[in-house]
Amino acid sequence: MERRIAHLDMDAFYASVELLRYPQLKGLAVVVGGRRGAGPEPGADLKDFARLRDYVGRGVATTASYEARALGVHSAMGLMKAAALAPDAILLPADFDEYRRYSRRFKAAVAEIAPCIENRGIDEIYIDLTDVPGETAALARRIKDAVRRATGLGCSIGVTPNKLLAKIASELEKPDGSTVLTYADVPARIWPLPPRKINGIGPKASLKLEALGIRTIGELARAPLNLLVEHFGKHYGHWLNQAANGRDERPVVTASEPKSLSRETTFERDLDPRQDREVLSRILISLCERLSGDLAHKGYSSRTIGVKLRYDDFRTVTRDKTLTAPISDPQAILSTARACLKRVPLDRRLRLLGIRASSLSRPGGTDTAGSPGSRQPSENMKGENLRLFD
């Protein structure tokens, strides 16, 4: 029996939750980020909302509504840059407690239909539908309807024979999309797409593939294996071949306890540790905020924080630091990450930055007031003292 694996991704999740609170902002460009705390009261006039053009600081966008995305604003973008693109956009503070509540709601609604779920973060899950009764397209619609009833929010879902294809499929008809593909659909629906649509192929690899004359997933699928191994190494070269041909045997994992949680990003261009210091600082802040959100969502704290850097020659280095007490807030994670970065050679341009939390534990009933993990984060952790490479 062919597997039926779904990837469900909530549409512009944080911004969509905010629009439930502020329906008067529907249809407007809305950006979430820059600070934490309470926004205007529900029902407030538009004049009571902060505008992006008035923002001053080093904060980053956590997410943006589709109207803001149409103007070029995207997550992890510096808010000062975003303000140049969308000065009239509404700027709202992030409310991660509320986002986690809605995350629990949508996952509980899905579990009522299909209990075999793999959490991939606050706003996305994989679902194994292989043994769930029902025709696939109708089942996908049933799940989407259940999510909307439970949350009032839209989501996009892709159902395919494996996780790799499901992730691609869920992006094909966003927002509020539903896509069902079989292996027979791969040549027509997947192969015309650019290689970067495959999760695991970043901008640098995409450019390298383009230099080899490979501009679509189909061309990658037909590329000689020895060519890929020669230019990308044995492991990654073989994976590129398998991924382009739609092969992925990974199971939907439901019960395992994570040994670590991590966030990383591959840059659109290689960044110089000094000349691009401001950009790298914003990226690091965003990664720490997102990792903190992942820890809180899963109920963990971490005693070991690590950083990962990949240079422009594809060499990778990692450094980590173990603390006396577990932490989970973004300020403490950032401070520890910066301490790790001071032990990393910065003699080449960088193509990837990552942050990792390990030595995980679930908080008990002991009062942790005064410990590093109990401190409240400062306003988006911005300021001169939080530059990436002090």
Protein backbone atom coordinates (compact mmCIF):
# COMPACT_ATOMS: atom_id res chain seq x y z
CA MET A 1 0.00 0.00 0.00
CA GLU A 2 1.43 3.38 -1.02
CA ARG A 3 1.92 5.73 1.89
CA ARG A 4 -0.17 8.90 2.24
CA ILE A 5 1.90 11.53 4.04
CA ALA A 6 0.55 15.04 4.57
CA HIS A 7 2.38 18.25 5.41
CA LEU A 8 0.13 20.89 6.98
CA ASP A 9 1.38 24.45 7.23
CA MET A 10 -0.63 27.24 8.84
CA ASP A 11 -0.92 30.27 6.57
CA ALA A 12 1.03 33.32 7.85
CA PHE A 13 0.36 31.91 11.29
CA TYR A 14 1.35 34.70 13.68
CA ALA A 15 -0.16 37.41 11.50
CA SER A 16 -3.35 35.39 11.04
CA VAL A 17 -3.77 34.96 14.81
CA GLU A 18 -3.38 38.71 15.19
CA LEU A 19 -6.07 39.31 12.55
CA LEU A 20 -8.50 37.29 14.66
CA ARG A 21 -7.84 39.74 17.48
CA TYR A 22 -7.92 42.75 15.13
CA PRO A 23 -10.34 41.95 12.28
CA GLN A 24 -10.28 45.62 11.30
CA LEU A 25 -6.77 44.99 9.91
CA LYS A 26 -7.93 42.36 7.42
CA GLY A 27 -6.69 43.18 3.93
CA LEU A 28 -3.94 45.48 5.23
CA ALA A 29 -0.19 44.97 5.29
CA VAL A 30 0.61 43.74 8.82
CA VAL A 31 4.05 42.93 10.24
CA VAL A 32 4.63 41.15 13.56
CA GLY A 33 7.90 41.72 15.40
CA GLY A 34 10.23 44.29 16.82
CA ARG A 35 9.02 44.08 20.40
CA ARG A 36 6.91 42.12 22.85
CA GLY A 37 4.03 43.19 24.99
CA ALA A 38 0.45 44.23 24.58
CA GLY A 39 -0.84 45.79 21.40
CA PRO A 40 -3.88 48.08 21.11
CA GLU A 41 -7.18 46.97 22.58
CA PRO A 42 -9.43 44.89 20.29
CA GLY A 43 -11.71 47.21 18.35
CA ALA A 44 -9.15 50.04 18.37
CA ASP A 45 -9.20 52.61 15.57
CA LEU A 46 -6.57 52.30 12.86
CA LYS A 47 -4.93 55.48 14.13
CA ASP A 48 -4.10 53.66 17.38
CA PHE A 49 -1.84 51.12 15.67
CA ALA A 50 1.90 51.62 15.26
CA ARG A 51 3.15 52.02 11.70
CA LEU A 52 6.29 50.48 10.36
CA ARG A 53 7.62 53.85 9.21
CA ASP A 54 7.87 55.00 12.84
CA TYR A 55 9.98 52.06 13.99
CA VAL A 56 13.57 52.74 15.07
CA GLY A 57 15.82 49.92 16.23
CA ARG A 58 17.48 46.67 15.27
CA GLY A 59 14.42 44.44 15.48
CA VAL A 60 13.42 41.89 12.86
CA ALA A 61 10.11 40.82 11.36
CA THR A 62 8.80 37.62 12.93
CA THR A 63 6.21 37.23 10.17
CA ALA A 64 4.13 39.29 7.78
CA SER A 65 0.65 39.10 6.30
CA TYR A 66 0.38 38.18 2.63
CA GLU A 67 -0.36 41.83 1.83
CA ALA A 68 2.96 42.81 3.42
CA ARG A 69 4.75 39.95 1.67
CA ALA A 70 3.49 41.27 -1.65
CA LEU A 71 5.46 44.45 -0.86
CA GLY A 72 8.66 42.47 -0.29
CA VAL A 73 8.58 42.08 3.49
CA HIS A 74 9.50 38.65 4.84
CA SER A 75 10.41 37.01 8.13
CA ALA A 76 13.89 37.72 9.57
CA MET A 77 14.07 40.97 7.57
CA GLY A 78 15.28 43.96 9.55
CA LEU A 79 12.36 46.21 10.39
CA MET A 80 14.18 49.31 9.23
CA LYS A 81 14.58 47.72 5.79
CA ALA A 82 10.97 46.54 5.88
CA ALA A 83 9.87 50.10 6.66
CA ALA A 84 11.51 51.29 3.43
CA LEU A 85 9.43 48.74 1.50
CA ALA A 86 6.14 49.09 3.36
CA PRO A 87 6.16 52.28 5.46
CA ASP A 88 2.38 52.26 6.01
CA ALA A 89 2.27 48.64 7.22
CA ILE A 90 0.82 48.02 10.68
CA LEU A 91 3.46 46.89 13.22
CA LEU A 92 2.25 44.58 16.00
CA PRO A 93 4.17 43.09 18.94
CA ALA A 94 4.59 39.30 19.06
CA ASP A 95 2.36 37.40 21.49
CA PHE A 96 3.90 33.92 21.63
CA ASP A 97 1.60 32.73 24.43
CA GLU A 98 -1.37 33.31 22.14
CA TYR A 99 0.34 31.65 19.17
CA ARG A 100 1.09 28.58 21.27
CA ARG A 101 -2.56 28.36 22.33
CA TYR A 102 -3.68 28.34 18.71
CA SER A 103 -0.96 25.85 17.86
CA ARG A 104 -2.33 23.43 20.44
CA ARG A 105 -5.84 23.93 19.10
CA PHE A 106 -5.08 23.14 15.48
CA LYS A 107 -2.98 20.10 16.35
CA ALA A 108 -5.68 18.74 18.64
CA ALA A 109 -8.24 19.18 15.85
CA VAL A 110 -6.06 17.23 13.41
CA ALA A 111 -5.38 14.49 15.98
CA GLU A 112 -9.12 13.82 16.24
CA ILE A 113 -9.00 12.71 12.59
CA ALA A 114 -5.45 11.40 12.21
CA PRO A 115 -3.50 10.78 15.42
CA CYS A 116 -0.16 9.90 13.76
CA ILE A 117 1.38 13.39 13.81
CA GLU A 118 4.97 14.65 13.78
CA ASN A 119 5.46 18.13 15.21
CA ARG A 120 7.73 20.33 13.11
CA GLY A 121 7.27 23.56 15.03
CA ILE A 122 4.56 25.86 16.22
CA ASP A 123 2.83 26.14 12.84
CA GLU A 124 3.49 22.95 10.86
CA ILE A 125 3.10 19.19 11.20
CA TYR A 126 3.48 16.00 9.18
CA ILE A 127 0.55 13.56 9.29
CA ASP A 128 0.54 9.88 8.32
CA LEU A 129 -2.82 9.27 6.62
CA THR A 130 -1.98 5.82 5.27
CA ASP A 131 -4.33 3.95 7.60
CA VAL A 132 -6.97 6.67 7.94
CA PRO A 133 -10.20 5.78 6.12
CA GLY A 134 -11.38 8.03 3.34
CA GLU A 135 -10.53 9.26 -0.13
CA THR A 136 -7.40 11.41 -0.03
CA ALA A 137 -8.72 14.73 -1.37
CA ALA A 138 -11.83 14.51 0.80
CA LEU A 139 -9.69 13.67 3.83
CA ALA A 140 -7.49 16.71 3.20
CA ARG A 141 -10.58 18.94 3.02
CA ARG A 142 -11.91 17.40 6.23
CA ILE A 143 -8.67 18.20 8.04
CA LYS A 144 -8.65 21.79 6.74
CA ASP A 145 -12.27 22.26 7.80
CA ALA A 146 -11.50 20.89 11.28
CA VAL A 147 -8.59 23.31 11.69
CA ARG A 148 -10.74 26.26 10.64
CA ARG A 149 -13.55 25.28 13.03
CA ALA A 150 -11.11 24.92 15.91
CA THR A 151 -9.12 28.10 15.27
CA GLY A 152 -10.79 30.30 12.67
CA LEU A 153 -7.54 30.07 10.71
CA GLY A 154 -6.65 28.80 7.27
CA CYS A 155 -3.95 26.30 6.44
CA SER A 156 -2.38 24.68 3.39
CA ILE A 157 -1.94 20.93 3.06
CA GLY A 158 -0.09 18.68 0.67
CA VAL A 159 -0.66 14.92 0.56
CA THR A 160 1.88 12.73 -1.25
CA PRO A 161 3.68 9.39 -0.78
CA ASN A 162 6.44 10.89 1.41
CA LYS A 163 7.51 13.81 3.58
CA LEU A 164 9.80 15.45 1.04
CA LEU A 165 7.09 15.69 -1.63
CA ALA A 166 4.42 16.65 0.92
CA LYS A 167 6.49 19.64 2.04
CA ILE A 168 6.76 20.85 -1.56
CA ALA A 169 3.09 20.15 -2.28
CA SER A 170 1.85 22.19 0.69
CA GLU A 171 3.52 25.27 -0.82
CA LEU A 172 2.08 24.89 -4.32
CA GLU A 173 -1.29 26.52 -3.74
CA LYS A 174 -0.77 28.79 -0.73
CA PRO A 175 -2.67 30.30 0.97
CA ASP A 176 -5.55 27.98 1.91
CA GLY A 177 -4.37 25.36 -0.58
CA SER A 178 -4.92 21.63 -0.86
CA THR A 179 -2.71 19.55 -3.16
CA VAL A 180 -2.72 15.79 -3.64
CA LEU A 181 0.10 14.22 -5.65
CA THR A 182 1.22 10.70 -6.49
CA TYR A 183 4.56 9.56 -7.89
CA ALA A 184 2.98 9.73 -11.34
CA ASP A 185 2.49 13.50 -10.84
CA VAL A 186 6.15 14.22 -10.12
CA PRO A 187 7.24 14.90 -13.75
CA ALA A 188 4.40 17.34 -14.39
CA ARG A 189 4.07 19.07 -11.00
CA ILE A 190 7.49 18.82 -9.33
CA TRP A 191 10.12 18.65 -12.05
CA PRO A 192 9.36 22.10 -13.58
CA LEU A 193 10.06 23.78 -10.22
CA PRO A 194 13.45 25.30 -9.33
CA PRO A 195 15.70 23.12 -7.13
CA ARG A 196 15.39 25.54 -4.18
CA LYS A 197 11.80 24.30 -3.69
CA ILE A 198 13.28 21.11 -2.21
CA ASN A 199 13.75 21.49 1.53
CA GLY A 200 17.50 21.13 1.99
CA ILE A 201 18.67 22.96 -1.14
CA GLY A 202 19.69 26.47 -0.15
CA PRO A 203 20.64 29.54 -2.21
CA LYS A 204 24.32 28.62 -2.49
CA ALA A 205 23.61 25.10 -3.74
CA SER A 206 21.01 26.53 -6.13
CA LEU A 207 23.60 28.88 -7.63
CA LYS A 208 26.08 26.05 -7.93
CA LEU A 209 23.49 23.90 -9.71
CA GLU A 210 22.64 26.77 -12.05
CA ALA A 211 26.33 27.15 -12.91
CA LEU A 212 26.20 23.48 -13.95
CA GLY A 213 23.23 24.24 -16.21
CA ILE A 214 20.70 22.70 -13.79
CA ARG A 215 17.75 25.08 -13.37
CA THR A 216 14.84 22.76 -12.62
CA ILE A 217 14.23 19.77 -10.38
CA GLY A 218 13.70 17.70 -13.52
CA GLU A 219 17.13 18.63 -14.84
CA LEU A 220 18.57 17.72 -11.44
CA ALA A 221 16.78 14.34 -11.56
CA ARG A 222 18.37 13.63 -14.96
CA ALA A 223 21.85 14.88 -14.02
CA PRO A 224 24.59 12.20 -13.93
CA LEU A 225 25.19 11.02 -10.39
CA ASN A 226 28.96 11.25 -10.79
CA LEU A 227 28.58 14.94 -11.71
CA LEU A 228 26.65 15.66 -8.52
CA VAL A 229 29.11 13.71 -6.37
CA GLU A 230 32.05 15.50 -7.99
CA HIS A 231 30.67 18.96 -7.19
CA PHE A 232 28.77 18.35 -3.95
CA GLY A 233 30.45 15.38 -2.30
CA LYS A 234 29.28 11.79 -1.96
CA HIS A 235 26.60 12.17 0.70
CA TYR A 236 24.98 15.40 -0.54
CA GLY A 237 25.35 14.40 -4.19
CA HIS A 238 23.48 11.14 -3.63
CA TRP A 239 20.82 12.94 -1.62
CA LEU A 240 20.29 15.50 -4.41
CA ASN A 241 19.69 12.68 -6.86
CA GLN A 242 17.21 10.93 -4.58
CA ALA A 243 15.36 14.10 -3.64
CA ALA A 244 14.98 15.28 -7.24
CA ASN A 245 13.45 11.92 -8.13
CA GLY A 246 10.97 12.25 -5.27
CA ARG A 247 12.43 9.49 -3.11
CA ASP A 248 12.20 9.78 0.67
CA GLU A 249 11.63 6.89 3.09
CA ARG A 250 11.64 8.86 6.34
CA PRO A 251 8.80 7.86 8.67
CA VAL A 252 6.45 10.22 10.47
CA VAL A 253 7.97 10.27 13.96
CA THR A 254 5.46 10.70 16.78
CA ALA A 255 6.88 9.44 20.07
CA SER A 256 10.59 10.22 20.26
CA GLU A 257 11.92 12.75 22.75
CA PRO A 258 14.20 15.24 21.00
CA LYS A 259 17.83 15.31 22.05
CA SER A 260 18.16 18.84 20.72
CA LEU A 261 16.30 21.61 18.96
CA SER A 262 17.86 23.88 16.38
CA ARG A 263 17.23 26.71 13.96
CA GLU A 264 19.49 27.62 11.06
CA THR A 265 19.39 29.62 7.86
CA THR A 266 21.38 29.60 4.64
CA PHE A 267 21.99 33.13 3.38
CA GLU A 268 20.94 34.46 0.00
CA ARG A 269 24.57 35.56 -0.46
CA ASP A 270 27.75 34.85 1.44
CA LEU A 271 28.13 37.36 4.28
CA ASP A 272 31.31 38.90 5.59
CA PRO A 273 31.56 38.70 9.42
CA ARG A 274 32.62 42.33 9.63
CA GLN A 275 31.21 44.15 6.61
CA ASP A 276 27.82 42.44 7.07
CA ARG A 277 27.85 42.58 10.84
CA GLU A 278 24.47 44.33 11.10
CA VAL A 279 22.75 41.76 8.88
CA LEU A 280 24.29 38.84 10.77
CA SER A 281 23.24 40.38 14.07
CA ARG A 282 19.61 40.59 12.97
CA ILE A 283 19.68 37.00 11.71
CA LEU A 284 21.13 35.74 14.99
CA ILE A 285 18.49 37.59 17.01
CA SER A 286 15.74 36.09 14.87
CA LEU A 287 17.15 32.56 15.21
CA CYS A 288 17.38 32.92 19.00
CA GLU A 289 13.79 34.17 19.21
CA ARG A 290 12.54 31.28 17.10
CA LEU A 291 14.53 28.71 19.05
CA SER A 292 13.15 30.14 22.27
CA GLY A 293 9.65 29.80 20.86
CA ASP A 294 10.32 26.16 19.90
CA LEU A 295 11.59 25.37 23.40
CA ALA A 296 8.57 26.99 25.02
CA HIS A 297 6.17 25.26 22.64
CA LYS A 298 7.61 21.84 23.48
CA GLY A 299 7.98 22.58 27.19
CA TYR A 300 11.79 22.36 27.38
CA SER A 301 14.70 24.33 28.76
CA SER A 302 18.31 23.82 27.69
CA ARG A 303 21.63 23.74 29.52
CA THR A 304 23.79 23.64 26.38
CA ILE A 305 23.60 26.24 23.61
CA GLY A 306 25.65 25.86 20.46
CA VAL A 307 26.31 27.75 17.24
CA LYS A 308 27.00 26.41 13.76
CA LEU A 309 28.76 28.29 10.98
CA ARG A 310 29.34 27.18 7.42
CA TYR A 311 31.97 29.05 5.42
CA ASP A 312 31.89 29.88 1.73
CA ASP A 313 34.14 26.87 1.06
CA PHE A 314 31.47 24.59 2.68
CA ARG A 315 33.59 23.91 5.81
CA THR A 316 31.43 23.76 8.92
CA VAL A 317 32.41 24.61 12.50
CA THR A 318 30.42 24.32 15.71
CA ARG A 319 30.95 25.64 19.23
CA ASP A 320 28.80 25.17 22.30
CA LYS A 321 28.62 26.19 25.94
CA THR A 322 27.08 24.32 28.87
CA LEU A 323 25.49 26.42 31.62
CA THR A 324 24.96 25.74 35.31
CA ALA A 325 21.18 26.19 34.98
CA PRO A 326 18.81 25.56 32.05
CA ILE A 327 17.52 28.47 30.02
CA SER A 328 14.76 29.03 27.48
CA ASP A 329 14.27 32.77 27.02
CA PRO A 330 15.71 34.45 23.91
CA GLN A 331 17.90 36.96 25.77
CA ALA A 332 19.76 34.23 27.65
CA ILE A 333 20.07 32.11 24.49
CA LEU A 334 21.47 35.08 22.57
CA SER A 335 23.99 35.90 25.28
CA THR A 336 25.25 32.31 25.33
CA ALA A 337 25.38 32.11 21.53
CA ARG A 338 27.49 35.27 21.40
CA ALA A 339 29.91 33.74 23.89
CA CYS A 340 30.22 30.71 21.57
CA LEU A 341 30.80 32.91 18.53
CA LYS A 342 33.82 34.53 20.16
CA ARG A 343 35.56 31.15 19.87
CA VAL A 344 34.90 30.75 16.13
CA PRO A 345 37.46 31.70 13.44
CA LEU A 346 36.04 34.57 11.38
CA ASP A 347 38.53 34.58 8.53
CA ARG A 348 36.13 33.74 5.69
CA ARG A 349 32.72 34.75 4.41
CA LEU A 350 29.77 32.80 5.81
CA ARG A 351 26.95 30.98 4.01
CA LEU A 352 25.02 29.55 6.97
CA LEU A 353 24.36 30.38 10.61
CA GLY A 354 22.62 28.08 13.07
CA ILE A 355 21.75 27.95 16.76
CA ARG A 356 21.17 24.74 18.74
CA ALA A 357 19.79 23.86 22.18
CA SER A 358 20.68 20.51 23.74
CA SER A 359 20.84 18.94 27.22
CA LEU A 360 17.09 19.47 27.27
CA SER A 361 14.93 19.18 30.37
CA ARG A 362 11.35 19.86 31.31
CA PRO A 363 10.93 22.45 34.09
CA GLY A 364 9.77 20.97 37.39
CA GLY A 365 7.95 22.60 40.23
CA THR A 366 11.08 24.21 41.67
CA ASP A 367 11.11 27.99 41.75
CA THR A 368 13.73 29.17 39.26
CA ALA A 369 13.47 32.88 40.02
CA GLY A 370 16.82 34.50 39.61
CA SER A 371 18.21 31.83 37.33
CA PRO A 372 19.23 32.74 33.76
CA GLY A 373 16.16 30.94 32.40
CA SER A 374 13.75 33.03 34.48
CA ARG A 375 14.71 36.44 33.15
CA GLN A 376 12.27 38.21 30.88
CA PRO A 377 13.62 39.08 27.43
CA SER A 378 14.36 42.68 26.71
CA GLU A 379 12.43 44.46 23.97
CA ASN A 380 13.36 42.27 20.98
CA MET A 381 16.91 42.06 22.38
CA LYS A 382 17.99 45.06 20.39
CA GLY A 383 20.79 47.49 21.19
CA GLU A 384 24.44 48.20 20.54
CA ASN A 385 25.57 45.66 23.15
CA LEU A 386 23.86 42.84 21.25
CA ARG A 387 25.84 43.06 18.04
CA LEU A 388 26.87 39.70 16.68
CA PHE A 389 30.66 39.96 16.94
CA ASP A 390 31.60 42.28 19.79
